[in-house]
Amino acid sequence: MSVAARKFLRVYALLFTLSMATTGMINLCVDPFCLFHMVEVPVINGNRPAFFRSLRMAKAHAVRVLRPEGIILGTSRAETGLDPDHPGWDPQASPRYNLALSGCRIFEAYAYLRHAHAIRPLRQVVIGLDLMMFDDRVKTESGFDEDRLAYRDRGPWPGGWVHDLLTSLFTIDALGHTVETLRIQGEPPAHPYLKNGLGDDRDAWSRIQRIGGHRRVDQEIVAPEQTWEGFGATLESLDSFRDLVRFCRSEDIDLRLFVSPLHALAQGRILHAGRWPIFEGWKKGLVAVLAESRDADGRTFPLWDFSGYNTITTERFPPLGDAHHQMKWYWESSHYKTVVGNMVLDRLFGSETPTRPVPGDFGVALTSGNIETHLAAIRKRQTEYLGSPTALSSR
């Protein structure tokens, strides 16, 4: 090799090293995925849209940083509605983190539970259960990579996580997210999060107003996404739920479960799609799985049902075009507000807050002994509700 060629290679290697180091340093400081926490300055990285887009990577790493003993799992409903700082939690289950994921599937929930438990043994877990989590057609959502998760049988630093760190520092794609993060500071965040993993809803109402009100959001955004076409049996996904329950029993984890308080309008879509028998069968399946895993005293993990037609879920929707009247309990028919999530946690933890009384008809603890009568009672109230003025105005 000639002297000129060697000189060229040395210069090229030096420039390449400098460019990679510069890229890595910029990405490290701006930290668009919220992985490194080296610089926390609101005018630089207070708004991180890449966190939401890479949620399954970002929250997996947040668990490594926070090392929680109490976690919340579930879909975006749990993510935006359940507060890890609710006073009813076991004080020893601290710190706590909302590990719920938008579009979460039950297989993913079990994987992230095992991940958190491998980082630090869990004391208490709350899981919001939704029927779509058990859709056998989709095992995981985009962005899920089991190789990045820490399981006890393979150690805390799997290769997938090392890959995440490197690509978050030294790739052009990561640099693009960094540039976007710097560019949009000062704009309202589309999907903000608190440090405890809870979706930050402080700007939710203003976003809903900009779109045109609760009903407009429900018609244009929520309803088209909630398709039940092709949705079938949930037997295979119940196996993942069974594995999760058995794992919590074997690891002595305090597991609290509930069926989400879907608004009656969203439950009506299940009914009109002909999937109500599947909805009921799914609840029966949950109860049956829990009955299989009793403790030494014959007790099952508690399962509460907040769906059906009750004081909360039958809240009247404002009419189309009304962007001024704010609903008390819901953002739209799919997502409940944190105040409802707090009432759910009140029930799950058996706690009381004088300033937040829980309606007597909100929440039923399900057992093998009452599941059939409970489902029959919901069908009866469904018939009554569908013929009521509230239902007619909410369609």
Protein backbone atom coordinates (compact mmCIF):
# COMPACT_ATOMS: atom_id res chain seq x y z
CA MET A 1 0.00 0.00 0.00
CA SER A 2 1.37 3.40 -0.96
CA VAL A 3 2.10 6.16 1.53
CA ALA A 4 -0.71 8.26 0.05
CA ALA A 5 -3.19 5.41 0.47
CA ARG A 6 -2.22 4.84 4.08
CA LYS A 7 -2.52 8.55 4.78
CA PHE A 8 -5.97 8.61 3.20
CA LEU A 9 -7.14 5.67 5.32
CA ARG A 10 -5.83 7.27 8.51
CA VAL A 11 -7.61 10.55 7.73
CA TYR A 12 -10.80 8.65 6.80
CA ALA A 13 -10.67 6.62 10.01
CA LEU A 14 -10.09 9.78 12.05
CA LEU A 15 -12.98 11.62 10.41
CA PHE A 16 -15.26 8.59 10.79
CA THR A 17 -14.37 8.26 14.48
CA LEU A 18 -14.94 11.95 15.08
CA SER A 19 -18.30 11.91 13.27
CA MET A 20 -19.48 8.85 15.23
CA ALA A 21 -18.31 10.38 18.51
CA THR A 22 -20.05 13.66 17.69
CA THR A 23 -23.26 11.86 16.68
CA GLY A 24 -23.15 9.78 19.85
CA MET A 25 -22.54 12.80 22.07
CA ILE A 26 -25.38 14.80 20.52
CA ASN A 27 -27.80 11.87 20.79
CA LEU A 28 -26.64 11.21 24.35
CA CYS A 29 -27.32 14.78 25.45
CA VAL A 30 -30.65 15.29 23.68
CA ASP A 31 -31.70 11.70 24.49
CA PRO A 32 -34.84 11.57 22.29
CA PHE A 33 -35.85 8.11 23.62
CA CYS A 34 -35.30 9.09 27.28
CA LEU A 35 -32.72 6.34 27.85
CA PHE A 36 -29.69 8.02 29.38
CA HIS A 37 -30.91 10.96 31.51
CA MET A 38 -27.63 12.87 31.14
CA VAL A 39 -29.33 16.17 30.29
CA GLU A 40 -32.86 17.04 31.47
CA VAL A 41 -33.61 20.57 30.26
CA PRO A 42 -37.19 21.35 29.18
CA VAL A 43 -36.15 23.70 26.36
CA ILE A 44 -33.91 20.96 24.93
CA ASN A 45 -35.75 17.69 25.48
CA GLY A 46 -38.86 18.35 27.53
CA ASN A 47 -41.01 17.17 24.59
CA ARG A 48 -39.91 13.73 23.34
CA PRO A 49 -42.23 12.34 20.64
CA ALA A 50 -39.77 9.50 20.00
CA PHE A 51 -40.55 8.13 23.47
CA PHE A 52 -44.10 7.27 22.38
CA ARG A 53 -43.02 5.94 19.00
CA SER A 54 -40.46 3.66 20.66
CA LEU A 55 -42.53 2.94 23.76
CA ARG A 56 -41.64 -0.74 24.07
CA MET A 57 -37.94 0.07 24.09
CA ALA A 58 -38.21 3.23 26.22
CA LYS A 59 -40.34 1.74 28.98
CA ALA A 60 -38.23 -1.42 29.12
CA HIS A 61 -35.22 0.78 29.85
CA ALA A 62 -37.16 2.93 32.34
CA VAL A 63 -37.65 -0.23 34.40
CA ARG A 64 -33.87 -0.73 34.45
CA VAL A 65 -33.38 2.82 35.71
CA LEU A 66 -36.21 3.01 38.25
CA ARG A 67 -36.14 -0.65 39.42
CA PRO A 68 -39.79 -0.64 40.58
CA GLU A 69 -41.33 -3.09 43.04
CA GLY A 70 -44.85 -2.22 41.91
CA ILE A 71 -45.98 -1.95 38.29
CA ILE A 72 -49.10 -1.34 36.21
CA LEU A 73 -49.67 -3.32 33.01
CA GLY A 74 -52.29 -3.10 30.30
CA THR A 75 -53.19 -1.10 27.20
CA SER A 76 -53.32 2.66 26.67
CA ARG A 77 -56.41 2.70 28.89
CA ALA A 78 -54.34 1.66 31.88
CA GLU A 79 -51.44 3.77 30.65
CA THR A 80 -53.45 7.01 30.76
CA GLY A 81 -55.83 6.14 33.60
CA LEU A 82 -53.94 4.37 36.39
CA ASP A 83 -51.72 6.37 38.72
CA PRO A 84 -48.71 4.58 40.28
CA ASP A 85 -48.84 7.17 43.08
CA HIS A 86 -52.34 6.19 44.25
CA PRO A 87 -52.27 5.96 48.08
CA GLY A 88 -53.75 2.44 48.17
CA TRP A 89 -50.59 0.69 46.99
CA ASP A 90 -48.60 -1.47 49.40
CA PRO A 91 -46.09 1.03 50.89
CA GLN A 92 -43.37 -1.60 50.56
CA ALA A 93 -44.00 -1.88 46.82
CA SER A 94 -41.89 1.15 46.05
CA PRO A 95 -40.95 2.69 43.70
CA ARG A 96 -43.78 2.07 41.27
CA TYR A 97 -44.06 2.50 37.51
CA ASN A 98 -46.84 2.49 34.92
CA LEU A 99 -45.51 -0.08 32.48
CA ALA A 100 -48.71 -0.26 30.42
CA LEU A 101 -48.22 -0.06 26.65
CA SER A 102 -50.43 1.30 23.90
CA GLY A 103 -51.98 -1.66 22.08
CA CYS A 104 -50.51 -4.13 24.56
CA ARG A 105 -51.19 -7.84 24.07
CA ILE A 106 -51.37 -10.30 26.96
CA PHE A 107 -48.20 -12.06 25.77
CA GLU A 108 -46.39 -8.71 25.92
CA ALA A 109 -47.78 -7.94 29.38
CA TYR A 110 -46.41 -11.25 30.67
CA ALA A 111 -43.04 -10.59 29.01
CA TYR A 112 -42.71 -7.14 30.58
CA LEU A 113 -43.80 -8.48 33.97
CA ARG A 114 -40.99 -11.05 33.82
CA HIS A 115 -38.58 -8.33 32.69
CA ALA A 116 -39.41 -6.08 35.64
CA HIS A 117 -39.23 -9.01 38.06
CA ALA A 118 -35.77 -9.94 36.75
CA ILE A 119 -34.51 -6.39 37.32
CA ARG A 120 -35.94 -6.30 40.85
CA PRO A 121 -38.40 -8.72 42.48
CA LEU A 122 -41.92 -7.35 42.27
CA ARG A 123 -44.23 -7.08 45.27
CA GLN A 124 -47.43 -5.80 43.66
CA VAL A 125 -48.82 -5.76 40.12
CA VAL A 126 -52.03 -4.23 38.76
CA ILE A 127 -53.24 -5.26 35.30
CA GLY A 128 -56.06 -3.67 33.36
CA LEU A 129 -57.50 -6.34 31.05
CA ASP A 130 -59.13 -5.59 27.69
CA LEU A 131 -60.65 -8.03 25.23
CA MET A 132 -58.42 -6.86 22.37
CA MET A 133 -55.37 -7.87 24.41
CA PHE A 134 -56.48 -11.46 23.80
CA ASP A 135 -56.85 -11.27 20.02
CA ASP A 136 -55.27 -14.50 18.77
CA ARG A 137 -54.52 -12.90 15.40
CA VAL A 138 -51.88 -10.59 16.91
CA LYS A 139 -49.41 -11.88 19.49
CA THR A 140 -47.28 -8.73 19.71
CA GLU A 141 -47.39 -5.18 18.40
CA SER A 142 -44.78 -3.38 16.31
CA GLY A 143 -41.70 -2.47 18.32
CA PHE A 144 -41.81 -5.49 20.61
CA ASP A 145 -38.48 -7.33 20.84
CA GLU A 146 -38.29 -10.04 23.45
CA ASP A 147 -34.51 -10.12 23.15
CA ARG A 148 -34.22 -6.69 24.82
CA LEU A 149 -35.99 -7.91 27.96
CA ALA A 150 -34.24 -9.30 31.02
CA TYR A 151 -35.42 -12.72 32.14
CA ARG A 152 -33.93 -14.49 35.13
CA ASP A 153 -32.84 -17.46 33.06
CA ARG A 154 -30.59 -15.35 30.82
CA GLY A 155 -29.28 -12.46 32.90
CA PRO A 156 -30.02 -8.73 32.94
CA TRP A 157 -28.15 -7.65 29.80
CA PRO A 158 -29.49 -9.47 26.73
CA GLY A 159 -27.96 -8.73 23.35
CA GLY A 160 -31.06 -6.96 22.09
CA TRP A 161 -30.69 -4.33 24.78
CA VAL A 162 -27.04 -3.67 23.87
CA HIS A 163 -28.23 -3.25 20.29
CA ASP A 164 -30.82 -0.70 21.44
CA LEU A 165 -28.18 1.34 23.25
CA LEU A 166 -25.84 1.40 20.27
CA THR A 167 -28.52 2.27 17.71
CA SER A 168 -29.86 5.01 20.01
CA LEU A 169 -26.44 6.65 20.03
CA PHE A 170 -24.66 6.01 16.75
CA THR A 171 -27.22 5.88 13.94
CA ILE A 172 -28.53 8.45 11.50
CA ASP A 173 -32.06 7.42 12.43
CA ALA A 174 -31.41 8.33 16.08
CA LEU A 175 -29.87 11.63 14.95
CA GLY A 176 -33.04 12.34 12.99
CA HIS A 177 -35.11 11.86 16.17
CA THR A 178 -32.70 14.16 17.99
CA VAL A 179 -33.14 16.89 15.37
CA GLU A 180 -36.92 16.50 15.57
CA THR A 181 -36.79 16.70 19.38
CA LEU A 182 -34.85 19.97 19.24
CA ARG A 183 -37.13 21.38 16.55
CA ILE A 184 -40.47 20.85 18.28
CA GLN A 185 -39.60 22.18 21.72
CA GLY A 186 -42.21 24.75 22.66
CA GLU A 187 -44.98 22.93 20.77
CA PRO A 188 -47.72 21.07 22.70
CA PRO A 189 -46.60 17.44 23.14
CA ALA A 190 -48.81 14.94 21.35
CA HIS A 191 -48.14 12.03 23.73
CA PRO A 192 -46.55 13.32 26.94
CA TYR A 193 -45.59 11.09 29.87
CA LEU A 194 -44.81 11.65 33.51
CA LYS A 195 -41.64 10.17 34.97
CA ASN A 196 -43.66 7.40 36.64
CA GLY A 197 -44.81 6.15 33.22
CA LEU A 198 -48.35 7.55 33.46
CA GLY A 199 -49.64 9.27 30.35
CA ASP A 200 -49.82 13.00 31.09
CA ASP A 201 -53.36 14.17 30.32
CA ARG A 202 -52.96 17.81 31.30
CA ASP A 203 -53.28 18.95 27.67
CA ALA A 204 -55.80 16.27 26.63
CA TRP A 205 -58.84 18.51 26.82
CA SER A 206 -57.27 21.25 24.73
CA ARG A 207 -56.35 18.66 22.08
CA ILE A 208 -59.91 17.33 22.08
CA GLN A 209 -61.25 20.87 21.69
CA ARG A 210 -58.96 21.49 18.72
CA ILE A 211 -60.32 18.37 17.04
CA GLY A 212 -63.93 19.38 17.69
CA GLY A 213 -65.05 17.86 20.99
CA HIS A 214 -65.49 14.43 22.57
CA ARG A 215 -67.92 13.08 20.00
CA ARG A 216 -65.83 14.20 17.05
CA VAL A 217 -62.78 12.47 18.50
CA ASP A 218 -64.81 9.32 19.10
CA GLN A 219 -66.21 9.25 15.57
CA GLU A 220 -63.08 10.18 13.65
CA ILE A 221 -60.31 8.55 15.71
CA VAL A 222 -61.59 5.98 18.17
CA ALA A 223 -64.40 4.22 16.31
CA PRO A 224 -62.39 3.52 13.12
CA GLU A 225 -59.59 1.97 15.20
CA GLN A 226 -61.92 -0.27 17.21
CA THR A 227 -62.69 -2.79 14.52
CA TRP A 228 -63.97 -6.23 15.49
CA GLU A 229 -63.94 -7.66 11.98
CA GLY A 230 -62.38 -11.11 12.03
CA PHE A 231 -62.03 -11.16 15.81
CA GLY A 232 -62.48 -14.72 17.02
CA ALA A 233 -61.84 -17.03 19.95
CA THR A 234 -59.26 -16.23 22.61
CA LEU A 235 -58.18 -19.70 23.77
CA GLU A 236 -54.52 -19.40 22.78
CA SER A 237 -54.12 -15.99 24.40
CA LEU A 238 -55.70 -17.31 27.58
CA ASP A 239 -52.71 -19.66 27.78
CA SER A 240 -50.43 -16.61 28.09
CA PHE A 241 -52.72 -15.27 30.80
CA ARG A 242 -52.52 -18.64 32.56
CA ASP A 243 -48.70 -18.49 32.42
CA LEU A 244 -48.77 -14.98 33.88
CA VAL A 245 -51.05 -16.00 36.75
CA ARG A 246 -48.98 -19.06 37.57
CA PHE A 247 -45.79 -17.01 37.49
CA CYS A 248 -47.20 -14.47 39.96
CA ARG A 249 -48.37 -17.28 42.23
CA SER A 250 -45.00 -19.04 42.16
CA GLU A 251 -43.10 -15.78 42.78
CA ASP A 252 -45.44 -14.62 45.57
CA ILE A 253 -46.45 -11.46 43.69
CA ASP A 254 -49.59 -9.61 44.84
CA LEU A 255 -51.58 -9.54 41.59
CA ARG A 256 -54.68 -7.33 41.18
CA LEU A 257 -56.73 -7.68 37.97
CA PHE A 258 -59.69 -5.83 36.47
CA VAL A 259 -61.74 -5.57 33.30
CA SER A 260 -61.55 -1.99 32.01
CA PRO A 261 -64.54 0.37 32.39
CA LEU A 262 -65.38 0.75 28.71
CA HIS A 263 -67.96 3.39 27.99
CA ALA A 264 -71.35 1.96 27.02
CA LEU A 265 -70.88 3.35 23.52
CA ALA A 266 -67.76 1.22 23.01
CA GLN A 267 -69.51 -1.82 24.45
CA GLY A 268 -72.31 -1.20 21.97
CA ARG A 269 -69.81 -1.62 19.14
CA ILE A 270 -68.91 -5.05 20.51
CA LEU A 271 -72.61 -5.91 20.64
CA HIS A 272 -73.41 -4.67 17.13
CA ALA A 273 -70.39 -6.52 15.72
CA GLY A 274 -71.85 -9.76 17.05
CA ARG A 275 -68.96 -10.29 19.46
CA TRP A 276 -70.87 -10.01 22.74
CA PRO A 277 -70.85 -13.80 23.32
CA ILE A 278 -67.06 -13.71 22.89
CA PHE A 279 -66.86 -10.83 25.37
CA GLU A 280 -68.79 -12.87 27.92
CA GLY A 281 -66.84 -16.05 27.16
CA TRP A 282 -63.61 -14.17 27.69
CA LYS A 283 -64.69 -13.07 31.16
CA LYS A 284 -65.65 -16.66 31.98
CA GLY A 285 -62.24 -17.78 30.75
CA LEU A 286 -60.46 -15.29 33.01
CA VAL A 287 -62.40 -16.53 36.03
CA ALA A 288 -61.68 -20.16 35.13
CA VAL A 289 -57.94 -19.55 34.79
CA LEU A 290 -57.81 -17.80 38.16
CA ALA A 291 -59.71 -20.67 39.77
CA GLU A 292 -56.93 -23.02 38.61
CA SER A 293 -54.31 -21.12 40.58
CA ARG A 294 -55.50 -20.89 44.16
CA ASP A 295 -53.19 -20.35 47.12
CA ALA A 296 -52.83 -22.72 50.06
CA ASP A 297 -55.99 -21.25 51.61
CA GLY A 298 -58.02 -21.70 48.44
CA ARG A 299 -58.02 -18.03 47.48
CA THR A 300 -57.71 -16.74 43.92
CA PHE A 301 -56.20 -13.51 42.72
CA PRO A 302 -58.96 -10.84 42.74
CA LEU A 303 -60.62 -9.93 39.44
CA TRP A 304 -62.96 -6.94 39.25
CA ASP A 305 -65.27 -6.12 36.36
CA PHE A 306 -65.86 -2.40 35.78
CA SER A 307 -67.50 -2.83 32.38
CA GLY A 308 -71.24 -3.20 31.89
CA TYR A 309 -73.79 -0.43 32.34
CA ASN A 310 -73.28 1.55 35.52
CA THR A 311 -73.15 5.11 36.81
CA ILE A 312 -69.73 5.72 35.26
CA THR A 313 -69.89 3.85 31.94
CA THR A 314 -73.23 5.37 30.88
CA GLU A 315 -72.08 8.99 31.01
CA ARG A 316 -73.85 11.04 28.35
CA PHE A 317 -71.79 12.22 25.37
CA PRO A 318 -72.02 15.87 24.27
CA PRO A 319 -73.67 16.31 20.85
CA LEU A 320 -71.63 16.45 17.66
CA GLY A 321 -70.20 19.92 17.19
CA ASP A 322 -70.05 20.70 20.92
CA ALA A 323 -66.38 21.39 21.63
CA HIS A 324 -67.02 23.19 24.91
CA HIS A 325 -68.71 20.68 27.20
CA GLN A 326 -66.11 18.47 28.88
CA MET A 327 -67.10 14.97 30.00
CA LYS A 328 -66.47 14.11 33.64
CA TRP A 329 -65.31 10.52 33.35
CA TYR A 330 -64.08 9.89 29.78
CA TRP A 331 -61.91 11.42 27.06
CA GLU A 332 -63.84 9.33 24.51
CA SER A 333 -65.57 5.95 24.58
CA SER A 334 -62.34 4.00 24.88
CA HIS A 335 -60.22 5.90 27.41
CA TYR A 336 -61.33 6.80 30.91
CA LYS A 337 -59.85 9.67 32.92
CA THR A 338 -57.49 9.32 35.86
CA VAL A 339 -60.32 10.14 38.26
CA VAL A 340 -62.03 6.93 37.10
CA GLY A 341 -58.73 5.07 37.33
CA ASN A 342 -58.42 6.24 40.92
CA MET A 343 -61.86 4.82 41.70
CA VAL A 344 -60.81 1.54 40.09
CA LEU A 345 -57.74 1.44 42.32
CA ASP A 346 -59.88 2.33 45.34
CA ARG A 347 -61.87 -0.84 44.67
CA LEU A 348 -58.82 -3.00 43.95
CA PHE A 349 -56.95 -1.86 47.07
CA GLY A 350 -59.99 -1.61 49.33
CA SER A 351 -59.17 2.02 50.08
CA GLU A 352 -61.50 4.99 50.56
CA THR A 353 -61.14 8.67 49.75
CA PRO A 354 -63.88 10.86 51.27
CA THR A 355 -63.60 13.41 48.47
CA ARG A 356 -63.93 10.66 45.85
CA PRO A 357 -66.79 8.31 46.73
CA VAL A 358 -67.07 5.31 44.43
CA PRO A 359 -70.59 4.67 43.10
CA GLY A 360 -72.06 1.49 44.54
CA ASP A 361 -72.74 -0.03 41.12
CA PHE A 362 -69.19 0.57 39.84
CA GLY A 363 -67.21 -2.65 39.98
CA VAL A 364 -68.07 -6.26 40.77
CA ALA A 365 -65.60 -8.79 42.16
CA LEU A 366 -65.92 -11.85 39.90
CA THR A 367 -65.85 -15.42 41.14
CA SER A 368 -66.81 -18.82 39.80
CA GLY A 369 -69.93 -18.56 41.92
CA ASN A 370 -71.27 -15.25 40.59
CA ILE A 371 -70.01 -14.98 37.00
CA GLU A 372 -73.20 -16.29 35.36
CA THR A 373 -75.56 -14.08 37.39
CA HIS A 374 -73.27 -11.11 36.84
CA LEU A 375 -73.30 -11.54 33.05
CA ALA A 376 -77.08 -11.96 33.09
CA ALA A 377 -77.43 -8.74 35.11
CA ILE A 378 -75.30 -6.88 32.54
CA ARG A 379 -77.49 -8.16 29.70
CA LYS A 380 -80.58 -6.95 31.54
CA ARG A 381 -79.11 -3.50 32.14
CA GLN A 382 -77.92 -3.43 28.53
CA THR A 383 -81.49 -3.87 27.30
CA GLU A 384 -82.71 -1.13 29.65
CA TYR A 385 -79.89 1.23 28.64
CA LEU A 386 -80.32 0.78 24.88
CA GLY A 387 -83.92 1.94 25.18
CA SER A 388 -83.10 4.94 27.37
CA PRO A 389 -82.74 8.61 26.32
CA THR A 390 -79.08 8.53 27.40
CA ALA A 391 -78.27 5.75 24.94
CA LEU A 392 -80.17 7.44 22.13
CA SER A 393 -78.27 10.71 22.65
CA SER A 394 -74.92 8.96 22.86
CA ARG A 395 -75.19 7.14 19.52
